[in-house]
């Protein structure tokens, strides 16, 4: 239970964003669905995530990874589908992305995955 007025200017809810990304990640693997991605506003969601300066205030590995995922999904969908590419190019998201990524490339290269 949360009151809508409590946080009016909050960044996109991370869980929401990640859910959207996971959906999009699935869709991006299916070329036919790239059109749906564009029509369901996926590009604008991704663009928001990828270009979110809100995230910069708290760039953790998770948000950085989320941004990277958004970039990847955009790129994949663009490759697979001209309509998505048009949508992406139409919104200057890529320029924003590139400048964002340049600022954010301070990610550690060591990952803490322990697989047995």
N, C-alpha and C. Protein backbone atom coordinates (compact mmCIF):
# COMPACT_ATOMS: atom_id res chain seq x y z
N UNK A 1 0.84 -1.20 0.00
CA UNK A 1 0.00 0.00 0.00
C UNK A 1 0.86 1.24 0.00
N UNK A 2 0.76 2.07 -1.04
CA UNK A 2 1.56 3.29 -1.11
C UNK A 2 0.70 4.41 -1.66
N UNK A 3 0.82 5.58 -1.10
CA UNK A 3 0.01 6.69 -1.59
C UNK A 3 0.68 7.31 -2.80
N UNK A 4 -0.09 7.52 -3.85
CA UNK A 4 0.44 8.03 -5.13
C UNK A 4 1.14 9.37 -4.96
N UNK A 5 0.66 10.20 -4.00
CA UNK A 5 1.18 11.55 -3.88
C UNK A 5 2.55 11.58 -3.20
N UNK A 6 2.91 10.46 -2.53
CA UNK A 6 4.11 10.48 -1.70
C UNK A 6 5.37 10.70 -2.53
N UNK A 7 5.44 10.05 -3.70
CA UNK A 7 6.63 10.23 -4.51
C UNK A 7 6.23 10.52 -5.95
N UNK A 8 6.04 11.78 -6.25
CA UNK A 8 5.53 12.14 -7.57
C UNK A 8 6.63 12.14 -8.61
N UNK A 9 7.86 12.49 -8.20
CA UNK A 9 8.93 12.63 -9.19
C UNK A 9 9.95 11.52 -9.06
N UNK A 10 9.47 10.32 -8.77
CA UNK A 10 10.40 9.20 -8.63
C UNK A 10 10.77 8.66 -10.00
N UNK A 11 11.95 8.07 -10.12
CA UNK A 11 12.35 7.43 -11.37
C UNK A 11 11.43 6.25 -11.64
N UNK A 12 11.49 5.69 -12.85
CA UNK A 12 10.64 4.55 -13.14
C UNK A 12 10.89 3.45 -12.12
N UNK A 13 9.83 2.80 -11.67
CA UNK A 13 9.99 1.72 -10.69
C UNK A 13 10.85 0.63 -11.29
N UNK A 14 11.92 0.30 -10.60
CA UNK A 14 12.92 -0.61 -11.15
C UNK A 14 12.33 -1.98 -11.45
N UNK A 15 11.46 -2.45 -10.55
CA UNK A 15 10.88 -3.78 -10.77
C UNK A 15 10.01 -3.77 -12.02
N UNK A 16 9.23 -2.70 -12.18
CA UNK A 16 8.40 -2.53 -13.37
C UNK A 16 9.28 -2.56 -14.61
N UNK A 17 10.33 -1.77 -14.55
CA UNK A 17 11.25 -1.65 -15.68
C UNK A 17 11.85 -3.00 -16.03
N UNK A 18 12.31 -3.71 -15.01
CA UNK A 18 12.95 -5.01 -15.26
C UNK A 18 11.94 -6.00 -15.83
N UNK A 19 10.71 -5.98 -15.30
CA UNK A 19 9.66 -6.83 -15.87
C UNK A 19 9.47 -6.53 -17.34
N UNK A 20 9.40 -5.24 -17.65
CA UNK A 20 9.23 -4.82 -19.04
C UNK A 20 10.39 -5.31 -19.89
N UNK A 21 11.60 -5.16 -19.34
CA UNK A 21 12.79 -5.56 -20.08
C UNK A 21 12.80 -7.06 -20.35
N UNK A 22 12.41 -7.83 -19.34
CA UNK A 22 12.40 -9.28 -19.51
C UNK A 22 11.40 -9.68 -20.59
N UNK A 23 10.25 -9.03 -20.57
CA UNK A 23 9.25 -9.27 -21.61
C UNK A 23 9.84 -8.94 -22.97
N UNK A 24 10.47 -7.77 -23.02
CA UNK A 24 11.04 -7.29 -24.27
C UNK A 24 12.18 -8.19 -24.72
N UNK A 25 12.96 -8.68 -23.74
CA UNK A 25 14.06 -9.58 -24.08
C UNK A 25 13.53 -10.81 -24.80
N UNK A 26 12.42 -11.35 -24.27
CA UNK A 26 11.78 -12.50 -24.93
C UNK A 26 11.32 -12.13 -26.33
N UNK A 27 10.66 -10.97 -26.43
CA UNK A 27 10.11 -10.54 -27.72
C UNK A 27 11.22 -10.31 -28.73
N UNK A 28 12.33 -9.75 -28.25
CA UNK A 28 13.39 -9.35 -29.17
C UNK A 28 13.98 -10.55 -29.90
N UNK A 29 13.84 -11.74 -29.30
CA UNK A 29 14.37 -12.93 -29.95
C UNK A 29 13.48 -13.39 -31.09
N UNK A 30 12.26 -12.87 -31.10
CA UNK A 30 11.32 -13.28 -32.15
C UNK A 30 11.08 -12.10 -33.07
N UNK A 31 11.64 -12.21 -34.26
CA UNK A 31 11.62 -11.10 -35.20
C UNK A 31 10.21 -10.57 -35.43
N UNK A 32 9.26 -11.48 -35.54
CA UNK A 32 7.88 -11.09 -35.81
C UNK A 32 7.34 -10.15 -34.74
N UNK A 33 7.81 -10.33 -33.53
CA UNK A 33 7.26 -9.58 -32.42
C UNK A 33 7.88 -8.20 -32.26
N UNK A 34 8.91 -7.93 -33.04
CA UNK A 34 9.55 -6.63 -32.93
C UNK A 34 8.56 -5.51 -33.26
N UNK A 35 7.62 -5.82 -34.14
CA UNK A 35 6.58 -4.84 -34.48
C UNK A 35 5.74 -4.55 -33.25
N UNK A 36 5.39 -5.62 -32.52
CA UNK A 36 4.60 -5.44 -31.30
C UNK A 36 5.37 -4.59 -30.31
N UNK A 37 6.66 -4.81 -30.24
CA UNK A 37 7.51 -4.04 -29.35
C UNK A 37 7.32 -2.55 -29.62
N UNK A 38 7.36 -2.20 -30.90
CA UNK A 38 7.20 -0.80 -31.26
C UNK A 38 5.80 -0.31 -30.93
N UNK A 39 4.79 -1.12 -31.26
CA UNK A 39 3.42 -0.66 -31.11
C UNK A 39 3.00 -0.59 -29.65
N UNK A 40 3.60 -1.43 -28.80
CA UNK A 40 3.20 -1.40 -27.40
C UNK A 40 4.03 -0.40 -26.60
N UNK A 41 4.76 0.45 -27.30
CA UNK A 41 5.49 1.50 -26.62
C UNK A 41 6.78 1.01 -26.00
N UNK A 42 7.21 -0.18 -26.41
CA UNK A 42 8.43 -0.74 -25.85
C UNK A 42 9.63 0.14 -26.09
N UNK A 43 9.67 0.73 -27.28
CA UNK A 43 10.81 1.58 -27.61
C UNK A 43 10.89 2.76 -26.66
N UNK A 44 9.74 3.37 -26.38
CA UNK A 44 9.77 4.53 -25.50
C UNK A 44 10.11 4.14 -24.07
N UNK A 45 9.63 2.97 -23.64
CA UNK A 45 10.00 2.47 -22.32
C UNK A 45 11.50 2.28 -22.25
N UNK A 46 12.04 1.58 -23.24
CA UNK A 46 13.46 1.32 -23.27
C UNK A 46 14.25 2.62 -23.32
N UNK A 47 13.75 3.54 -24.14
CA UNK A 47 14.44 4.82 -24.27
C UNK A 47 14.49 5.53 -22.93
N UNK A 48 13.37 5.50 -22.22
CA UNK A 48 13.31 6.13 -20.90
C UNK A 48 14.33 5.51 -19.97
N UNK A 49 14.34 4.19 -19.95
CA UNK A 49 15.26 3.47 -19.08
C UNK A 49 16.70 3.79 -19.45
N UNK A 50 16.96 3.63 -20.74
CA UNK A 50 18.32 3.75 -21.22
C UNK A 50 18.85 5.16 -21.03
N UNK A 51 17.95 6.14 -21.13
CA UNK A 51 18.38 7.52 -21.06
C UNK A 51 18.10 8.15 -19.70
N UNK A 52 17.64 7.33 -18.76
CA UNK A 52 17.20 7.88 -17.48
C UNK A 52 18.37 8.46 -16.70
N UNK A 53 18.36 9.76 -16.55
CA UNK A 53 19.40 10.39 -15.74
C UNK A 53 19.09 10.15 -14.27
N UNK A 54 17.83 9.78 -13.98
CA UNK A 54 17.46 9.44 -12.61
C UNK A 54 18.33 8.29 -12.11
N UNK A 55 18.61 7.37 -13.03
CA UNK A 55 19.39 6.20 -12.65
C UNK A 55 20.81 6.58 -12.27
N UNK A 56 21.32 7.64 -12.87
CA UNK A 56 22.72 8.01 -12.64
C UNK A 56 22.98 8.32 -11.17
N UNK A 57 21.95 8.87 -10.50
CA UNK A 57 22.14 9.20 -9.09
C UNK A 57 22.40 7.95 -8.27
N UNK A 58 21.97 6.82 -8.79
CA UNK A 58 22.19 5.57 -8.07
C UNK A 58 22.57 4.48 -9.06
N UNK A 59 23.65 4.69 -9.78
CA UNK A 59 24.06 3.66 -10.72
C UNK A 59 24.75 2.54 -9.96
N UNK A 60 24.00 1.50 -9.74
CA UNK A 60 24.52 0.30 -9.13
C UNK A 60 24.72 -0.69 -10.26
N UNK A 61 25.39 -1.80 -9.99
CA UNK A 61 25.51 -2.81 -11.04
C UNK A 61 24.14 -3.17 -11.60
N UNK A 62 23.10 -3.16 -10.76
CA UNK A 62 21.78 -3.56 -11.22
C UNK A 62 21.23 -2.56 -12.22
N UNK A 63 21.27 -1.26 -11.89
CA UNK A 63 20.72 -0.28 -12.81
C UNK A 63 21.56 -0.19 -14.06
N UNK A 64 22.87 -0.32 -13.89
CA UNK A 64 23.76 -0.31 -15.05
C UNK A 64 23.42 -1.48 -15.96
N UNK A 65 23.17 -2.62 -15.35
CA UNK A 65 22.82 -3.80 -16.13
C UNK A 65 21.47 -3.61 -16.82
N UNK A 66 20.54 -2.96 -16.11
CA UNK A 66 19.23 -2.70 -16.68
C UNK A 66 19.36 -1.80 -17.89
N UNK A 67 20.20 -0.76 -17.76
CA UNK A 67 20.42 0.13 -18.89
C UNK A 67 21.06 -0.62 -20.05
N UNK A 68 22.04 -1.45 -19.72
CA UNK A 68 22.71 -2.22 -20.76
C UNK A 68 21.71 -3.14 -21.47
N UNK A 69 20.83 -3.75 -20.69
CA UNK A 69 19.80 -4.62 -21.26
C UNK A 69 18.89 -3.85 -22.18
N UNK A 70 18.54 -2.64 -21.76
CA UNK A 70 17.67 -1.80 -22.57
C UNK A 70 18.33 -1.48 -23.90
N UNK A 71 19.60 -1.13 -23.81
CA UNK A 71 20.37 -0.82 -25.02
C UNK A 71 20.40 -2.04 -25.93
N UNK A 72 20.69 -3.19 -25.31
CA UNK A 72 20.80 -4.42 -26.08
C UNK A 72 19.48 -4.75 -26.77
N UNK A 73 18.39 -4.63 -26.01
CA UNK A 73 17.07 -4.96 -26.56
C UNK A 73 16.72 -4.04 -27.71
N UNK A 74 17.03 -2.75 -27.52
CA UNK A 74 16.79 -1.78 -28.60
C UNK A 74 17.59 -2.15 -29.83
N UNK A 75 18.85 -2.46 -29.61
CA UNK A 75 19.73 -2.80 -30.73
C UNK A 75 19.27 -4.05 -31.45
N UNK A 76 18.93 -5.07 -30.68
CA UNK A 76 18.48 -6.33 -31.27
C UNK A 76 17.20 -6.13 -32.07
N UNK A 77 16.25 -5.43 -31.45
CA UNK A 77 14.97 -5.21 -32.12
C UNK A 77 15.17 -4.38 -33.37
N UNK A 78 16.09 -3.41 -33.30
CA UNK A 78 16.35 -2.55 -34.46
C UNK A 78 16.91 -3.35 -35.62
N UNK A 79 17.87 -4.22 -35.29
CA UNK A 79 18.47 -5.06 -36.32
C UNK A 79 17.42 -5.91 -37.01
N UNK A 80 16.50 -6.43 -36.21
CA UNK A 80 15.53 -7.39 -36.72
C UNK A 80 14.36 -6.74 -37.42
N UNK A 81 14.15 -5.47 -37.17
CA UNK A 81 12.91 -4.88 -37.67
C UNK A 81 13.05 -3.41 -38.02
N UNK A 82 12.84 -3.08 -39.29
CA UNK A 82 12.99 -1.70 -39.79
C UNK A 82 12.09 -0.71 -39.06
N UNK A 83 10.88 -1.15 -38.68
CA UNK A 83 9.95 -0.25 -37.99
C UNK A 83 10.52 0.21 -36.65
N UNK A 84 11.10 -0.76 -35.94
CA UNK A 84 11.69 -0.43 -34.65
C UNK A 84 12.87 0.50 -34.87
N UNK A 85 13.68 0.18 -35.88
CA UNK A 85 14.83 1.01 -36.18
C UNK A 85 14.40 2.45 -36.43
N UNK A 86 13.33 2.61 -37.21
CA UNK A 86 12.81 3.94 -37.48
C UNK A 86 12.40 4.64 -36.19
N UNK A 87 11.73 3.89 -35.32
CA UNK A 87 11.27 4.46 -34.06
C UNK A 87 12.46 4.89 -33.20
N UNK A 88 13.48 4.03 -33.18
CA UNK A 88 14.67 4.32 -32.39
C UNK A 88 15.40 5.54 -32.94
N UNK A 89 15.58 5.54 -34.26
CA UNK A 89 16.28 6.65 -34.88
C UNK A 89 15.46 7.93 -34.78
N UNK A 90 14.14 7.77 -34.83
CA UNK A 90 13.25 8.93 -34.75
C UNK A 90 13.35 9.63 -33.41
N UNK A 91 13.51 8.85 -32.35
CA UNK A 91 13.76 9.46 -31.05
C UNK A 91 15.27 9.44 -30.89
N UNK A 92 15.85 10.55 -30.49
CA UNK A 92 17.31 10.63 -30.49
C UNK A 92 17.91 9.80 -29.37
N UNK A 93 17.24 8.69 -29.04
CA UNK A 93 17.65 7.90 -27.88
C UNK A 93 19.09 7.42 -27.99
N UNK A 94 19.53 7.07 -29.20
CA UNK A 94 20.87 6.51 -29.33
C UNK A 94 21.96 7.50 -28.93
N UNK A 95 21.77 8.77 -29.33
CA UNK A 95 22.77 9.76 -28.93
C UNK A 95 22.81 9.90 -27.42
N UNK A 96 21.62 9.94 -26.83
CA UNK A 96 21.53 10.05 -25.37
C UNK A 96 22.19 8.85 -24.72
N UNK A 97 21.90 7.68 -25.27
CA UNK A 97 22.46 6.44 -24.76
C UNK A 97 23.97 6.48 -24.75
N UNK A 98 24.51 6.83 -25.90
CA UNK A 98 25.96 6.80 -26.05
C UNK A 98 26.61 7.73 -25.04
N UNK A 99 26.06 8.93 -24.90
CA UNK A 99 26.66 9.86 -23.95
C UNK A 99 26.49 9.35 -22.52
N UNK A 100 25.34 8.74 -22.24
CA UNK A 100 25.11 8.17 -20.92
C UNK A 100 26.10 7.06 -20.62
N UNK A 101 26.27 6.17 -21.60
CA UNK A 101 27.15 5.03 -21.40
C UNK A 101 28.58 5.49 -21.19
N UNK A 102 28.98 6.51 -21.94
CA UNK A 102 30.34 7.02 -21.76
C UNK A 102 30.55 7.49 -20.33
N UNK A 103 29.52 8.14 -19.77
CA UNK A 103 29.62 8.60 -18.39
C UNK A 103 29.62 7.43 -17.42
N UNK A 104 28.88 6.40 -17.79
CA UNK A 104 28.63 5.32 -16.84
C UNK A 104 29.62 4.17 -16.94
N UNK A 105 30.56 4.27 -17.87
CA UNK A 105 31.50 3.15 -18.00
C UNK A 105 32.52 3.21 -16.88
N UNK A 106 32.06 2.81 -15.70
CA UNK A 106 32.95 2.69 -14.56
C UNK A 106 32.62 1.37 -13.89
N UNK A 107 32.04 0.47 -14.69
CA UNK A 107 31.61 -0.80 -14.14
C UNK A 107 32.79 -1.72 -13.92
N UNK A 108 32.80 -2.38 -12.76
CA UNK A 108 33.84 -3.38 -12.49
C UNK A 108 33.70 -4.55 -13.45
N UNK A 109 34.80 -5.16 -13.80
CA UNK A 109 34.75 -6.24 -14.77
C UNK A 109 34.67 -7.60 -14.11
N UNK A 110 34.88 -7.62 -12.78
CA UNK A 110 34.81 -8.92 -12.11
C UNK A 110 33.39 -9.18 -11.65
N UNK A 111 32.90 -10.38 -11.92
CA UNK A 111 31.54 -10.73 -11.56
C UNK A 111 31.57 -11.76 -10.44
N UNK A 112 30.63 -11.64 -9.53
CA UNK A 112 30.61 -12.55 -8.40
C UNK A 112 29.66 -13.71 -8.65
N UNK A 113 29.97 -14.50 -9.66
CA UNK A 113 29.15 -15.67 -9.93
C UNK A 113 29.94 -16.91 -9.54
N UNK A 114 29.37 -17.69 -8.65
CA UNK A 114 30.05 -18.92 -8.24
C UNK A 114 29.22 -20.11 -8.67
N UNK A 115 29.60 -20.68 -9.80
CA UNK A 115 28.88 -21.86 -10.28
C UNK A 115 29.67 -23.11 -9.93
N UNK A 116 28.97 -24.09 -9.40
CA UNK A 116 29.66 -25.33 -9.04
C UNK A 116 29.65 -26.30 -10.19
